[in-house]
C-alpha atoms as a PDB file:
ATOM      1  CA  MET A   1      39.218 -12.843  -2.787  1.00  0.00           C
ATOM      2  CA  ASN A   2      37.836 -16.455  -2.420  1.00  0.00           C
ATOM      3  CA  GLN A   3      34.417 -17.490  -3.660  1.00  0.00           C
ATOM      4  CA  ARG A   4      32.681 -17.666  -0.251  1.00  0.00           C
ATOM      5  CA  ALA A   5      33.760 -14.104   0.437  1.00  0.00           C
ATOM      6  CA  LEU A   6      32.511 -12.812  -2.873  1.00  0.00           C
ATOM      7  CA  ILE A   7      29.164 -14.416  -2.418  1.00  0.00           C
ATOM      8  CA  ALA A   8      28.856 -12.981   1.090  1.00  0.00           C
ATOM      9  CA  THR A   9      29.787  -9.524  -0.171  1.00  0.00           C
ATOM     10  CA  ALA A  10      27.290  -9.748  -3.057  1.00  0.00           C
ATOM     11  CA  ALA A  11      24.450 -10.933  -0.662  1.00  0.00           C
ATOM     12  CA  ALA A  12      25.190  -8.046   1.786  1.00  0.00           C
ATOM     13  CA  SER A  13      25.061  -5.622  -1.103  1.00  0.00           C
ATOM     14  CA  LEU A  14      21.700  -6.822  -2.364  1.00  0.00           C
ATOM     15  CA  MET A  15      20.257  -6.803   1.216  1.00  0.00           C
ATOM     16  CA  THR A  16      21.427  -3.233   1.625  1.00  0.00           C
ATOM     17  CA  LEU A  17      20.009  -2.162  -1.773  1.00  0.00           C
ATOM     18  CA  ALA A  18      16.621  -3.617  -0.869  1.00  0.00           C
ATOM     19  CA  LEU A  19      16.567  -1.842   2.448  1.00  0.00           C
ATOM     20  CA  VAL A  20      17.384   1.463   0.995  1.00  0.00           C
ATOM     21  CA  SER A  21      14.962   1.215  -1.914  1.00  0.00           C
ATOM     22  CA  ALA A  22      11.889   0.115   0.100  1.00  0.00           C
ATOM     23  CA  PRO A  23      11.193   3.660   1.554  1.00  0.00           C
ATOM     24  CA  VAL A  24      11.501   4.945  -2.025  1.00  0.00           C
ATOM     25  CA  ALA A  25       8.858   2.605  -3.289  1.00  0.00           C
ATOM     26  CA  ALA A  26       6.556   3.439  -0.377  1.00  0.00           C
ATOM     27  CA  GLN A  27       6.899   7.322  -1.241  1.00  0.00           C
ATOM     28  CA  GLU A  28       5.631   6.500  -4.682  1.00  0.00           C
ATOM     29  CA  LYS A  29       2.284   5.159  -3.519  1.00  0.00           C
ATOM     30  CA  GLU A  30      -0.746   6.690  -1.699  1.00  0.00           C
ATOM     31  CA  LYS A  31      -3.695   5.314   0.076  1.00  0.00           C
ATOM     32  CA  CYS A  32      -6.837   5.716  -2.235  1.00  0.00           C
ATOM     33  CA  PHE A  33     -10.181   5.239  -0.503  1.00  0.00           C
ATOM     34  CA  GLY A  34     -13.375   4.066  -2.221  1.00  0.00           C
ATOM     35  CA  ILE A  35     -11.860   2.211  -5.108  1.00  0.00           C
ATOM     36  CA  ALA A  36     -11.168  -1.374  -3.603  1.00  0.00           C
ATOM     37  CA  LYS A  37     -13.263  -4.216  -4.918  1.00  0.00           C
ATOM     38  CA  ALA A  38     -14.677  -6.647  -2.407  1.00  0.00           C
ATOM     39  CA  GLY A  39     -11.816  -8.830  -0.830  1.00  0.00           C
ATOM     40  CA  GLN A  40      -9.155  -6.602  -2.545  1.00  0.00           C
ATOM     41  CA  ASN A  41      -8.423  -3.730   0.168  1.00  0.00           C
ATOM     42  CA  ASP A  42      -4.944  -3.467   1.219  1.00  0.00           C
ATOM     43  CA  CYS A  43      -5.494  -3.112   5.024  1.00  0.00           C
ATOM     44  CA  ALA A  44      -7.746  -1.925   7.975  1.00  0.00           C
ATOM     45  CA  ASN A  45     -10.775   0.161   7.069  1.00  0.00           C
ATOM     46  CA  LEU A  46     -11.960   3.373   8.511  1.00  0.00           C
ATOM     47  CA  ALA A  47     -14.705   1.848  10.522  1.00  0.00           C
ATOM     48  CA  GLY A  48     -12.317  -0.466  12.466  1.00  0.00           C
ATOM     49  CA  THR A  49     -14.344  -3.559  11.752  1.00  0.00           C
ATOM     50  CA  HIS A  50     -11.323  -5.358  10.418  1.00  0.00           C
ATOM     51  CA  SER A  51      -7.547  -4.818  10.407  1.00  0.00           C
ATOM     52  CA  CYS A  52      -6.289  -6.899   7.428  1.00  0.00           C
ATOM     53  CA  ALA A  53      -6.128  -6.879   3.705  1.00  0.00           C
ATOM     54  CA  GLY A  54      -8.657  -8.745   1.621  1.00  0.00           C
ATOM     55  CA  GLN A  55     -11.530  -8.400   4.166  1.00  0.00           C
ATOM     56  CA  SER A  56     -13.683  -5.798   2.431  1.00  0.00           C
ATOM     57  CA  LYS A  57     -17.220  -6.956   1.869  1.00  0.00           C
ATOM     58  CA  VAL A  58     -18.422  -4.696  -0.996  1.00  0.00           C
ATOM     59  CA  ASP A  59     -16.938  -2.997  -3.953  1.00  0.00           C
ATOM     60  CA  ASN A  60     -15.897   0.686  -3.658  1.00  0.00           C
ATOM     61  CA  ASP A  61     -16.662   0.950   0.020  1.00  0.00           C
ATOM     62  CA  LYS A  62     -15.651   4.610   0.996  1.00  0.00           C
ATOM     63  CA  GLY A  63     -14.034   3.181   4.128  1.00  0.00           C
ATOM     64  CA  GLU A  64     -11.739   0.706   2.345  1.00  0.00           C
ATOM     65  CA  TRP A  65      -8.491   1.551   0.620  1.00  0.00           C
ATOM     66  CA  LYS A  66      -5.815   0.204  -1.662  1.00  0.00           C
ATOM     67  CA  TYR A  67      -2.245   1.664  -2.393  1.00  0.00           C
ATOM     68  CA  VAL A  68      -2.129   3.196  -5.909  1.00  0.00           C
ATOM     69  CA  ALA A  69       0.687   5.102  -7.617  1.00  0.00           C
ATOM     70  CA  LYS A  70       1.055   8.679  -6.254  1.00  0.00           C
ATOM     71  CA  GLY A  71      -1.020  11.041  -8.199  1.00  0.00           C
ATOM     72  CA  THR A  72      -3.512   8.570  -9.794  1.00  0.00           C
ATOM     73  CA  CYS A  73      -6.242   8.277  -7.055  1.00  0.00           C
ATOM     74  CA  LYS A  74      -8.346  11.099  -8.280  1.00  0.00           C
ATOM     75  CA  ASP A  75      -8.214   9.665 -11.872  1.00  0.00           C
ATOM     76  CA  MET A  76      -9.637   6.405 -10.438  1.00  0.00           C
ATOM     77  CA  LYS A  77     -12.459   8.449  -8.797  1.00  0.00           C
ATOM     78  CA  GLY A  78     -10.998   7.736  -5.346  1.00  0.00           C
ATOM     79  CA  MET A  79     -10.480   9.930  -2.363  1.00  0.00           C
ATOM     80  CA  SER A  80      -7.931  10.751   0.246  1.00  0.00           C
ATOM     81  CA  MET A  81      -8.321   9.651   3.883  1.00  0.00           C
ATOM     82  CA  GLU A  82      -9.620  13.012   4.876  1.00  0.00           C
ATOM     83  CA  GLU A  83     -12.245  13.010   2.190  1.00  0.00           C
ATOM     84  CA  ALA A  84     -13.305   9.474   3.017  1.00  0.00           C
ATOM     85  CA  LYS A  85     -13.709  10.380   6.742  1.00  0.00           C
ATOM     86  CA  LYS A  86     -15.944  13.287   5.800  1.00  0.00           C
ATOM     87  CA  MET A  87     -18.045  11.019   3.611  1.00  0.00           C
ATOM     88  CA  LYS A  88     -18.389   8.373   6.464  1.00  0.00           C
ATOM     89  CA  SER A  89     -19.402  10.896   9.091  1.00  0.00           C
END
């Protein structure tokens, strides 16, 4: 096997591994509402006033969320999306 083919095979293997492992990483995280510091949220809020990360205005807003390791949200005094929706109503 020549060097160019070896490099191409190695690159393809790494790309395949990255694509396969991405869903596993997503499964190990959960959205945790009410714990994000101002400017440190991960995406859109419940109110729909913004749709991007880093746009929260106050600490621990119940409508803002961050990804945390699965099973750790309650330990951080956070809540699920369903709980946050009930608090915002």
